[in-house]
Amino acid sequence: MHRLAAKMKQAIAQVDCGIPRPHEESGFALRVLLVKPRNLTAHFGLAPFFRTEPLGLEYIASALAAEGHQTRIVDMAFERRSMAHFIRSFQPQVVGISCLHILDVDGTLAHAAEIKAADPSVFVAVGGHSIASYPQAVAGAKHIDALCAGEGESIFPALCRALASGQPLDTVASLLLPAGDGRFIATDATQPWLEMEEILPPDRAAVRRYRKHYVCLNYMPVWTLETTRGCRHRCKFCSVWQFYGGSCRYHAPQHVREDFAATGRNLFIIDDLFWADRTRSETLARELLAAPTRKNWILVQSRADLVSRSADLLRLWRSLAKNFDIFFGFESPTRQGLNFLQKGSDIAKTLEAVRVARECGFGVTGNFIVDPDFTEEDFRTLWDFVERHKLFRVGFTILTPLPGTQFFESSLDRLKVFDWNQYDLHHLLWKPRLPVERFFELYCETWRRTVLNAAGRKKWWQWLPQVDLRHIGHLARILTRSQQLMNPRAYLAEYRVPDGPEPVRLS
């Protein structure tokens, strides 16, 4: 802290050398580097083909700019230059790293070490959904000066104000500060959830140089948009509702309209619960339809029980894009499975939602969860359900208790792997009921029954009408990568569950 204060005094004395001038609110304009870490663990799945912009950092950049700070966003997934390069060239006083998913932990720790090696005086703060939900994931970290345990648009500006003015950091709400023994201790106060009407539009220009890399399968480039934050449902495996306390808040329709117009032709709306409020959804649709902007493709995420009763609402939204897909968390083909996962829905609503969506001209995609406790009959029940209802544009993930959820806490006696790199929803974290080899054979057979099986379900030329010819190489890489999802040997090579009773603690 004393080194940071010394740097600020020196900078204030050198305002004529191009360093930002003091700001009336913060007392001093800081240079803040915002970092999306490089994912070091993407072995399975189609993660490389679902790369989205760091929208959270773009919101934080806007909030910091409003207080006079100079910000820059670096997406290390697409950078050949080192972190040390950005520390030398930008000379930030503060770096914020977004640890959005538990898989980002290793990349976050590596970048924090690189930053401190390049300049020990730089203040390193880490935030994001995963760390806010489960700060224990970075316990013992030596290169992190603070954790942000809430919404970055409010916490990060407050942190920068404190650093600029010399205010004690323990007065900043919703921070966790290192205690010196490997633990992080929370400050006394908690930041309330933001009023959504007060949130500034994201700084999309900050990621312009990375835009071409943001893709969703055969759609590129892709923009992301948020209209809603939170979820009121209580699905067993989900950390979103626990993080937001079951709340669901909405951006003002006019703000969504402005941001909708600022995005490109392919759009992923990242809300966890689209069409959650019928009246608000109608208002928002009419607000967007009043403007001339239309998209080539839109993807939203919703629930079967919402869609099944909302045909007229879906028809209102449908004309906003040439292609419009709905991603459903189908999760299970049986009532018992849905009850176990606490979905609060039933199979009849799943089937009605599929019918309504197709009838209204939407593409249907989604995901099913494969429980390590599956028997061979459970796998066949899933295959029959997918085949009978022609749900071929779906994915399959292995049941994973994510850190920060009640499910994780209740599963601690069962979990055998604590290497966060294996929490990608494609690894087993405890022994399955079936022999391991047989489980993976059946899991891979499940993937073979989807459109990603170019040699079986869908021939390569059948993809062509959906793909810009400029992106044929990208599609070829998708199909090549997807073959790993159908190779049991690839999963067995990654299997880390020990034979004995002791868990593998590798974090």
Foldseek 3Di string as FASTA:
>chain_A
DVVLVVVLVVCQVPVVVPADHAFPQLRRAFEEEEEEFAQPFCQADLVQQAFADPQLVLLQCVLSVVRPHHYAYDYVNPDPDALLVCCVPRVGQEYEYEPAALSCLVRLLVSLVVNCVSPVRRAYEYEHDQCLLFVVSQQQRDRHAKYANARSSPQVNQQSSCSSVVNDPLVRARMWGDPPPRGTHGRDHHDDDDQQQPRDRGNPVSCVVVQQSRHNQQDGREHEAEFKAAAQADFQQDQRCVSVVSDMHGHDLVRRLVVLVVTAQHYEYEDQAPCPDVVVLQVSLVSNVVDPAAHAEYEYEHELQNQLPPLVSLLSNVRRHVAYAYEYAPAACAQVRCVVRRVPDGNVSNLSSVVSCVVSPHHYEYEYEDELQDDPVRLVSVVCSCVVSVHQRYYYFYRARGRSGPSCVVCVQAFQEAPSSQRPRHADRHHGPDHLLVVLQSQLVSNCSHCLVCVPPNPPVVCVVVHDPVCSVVNVVSSVSSVCSNDSVSRVVVHDRDPDSHHDNDD
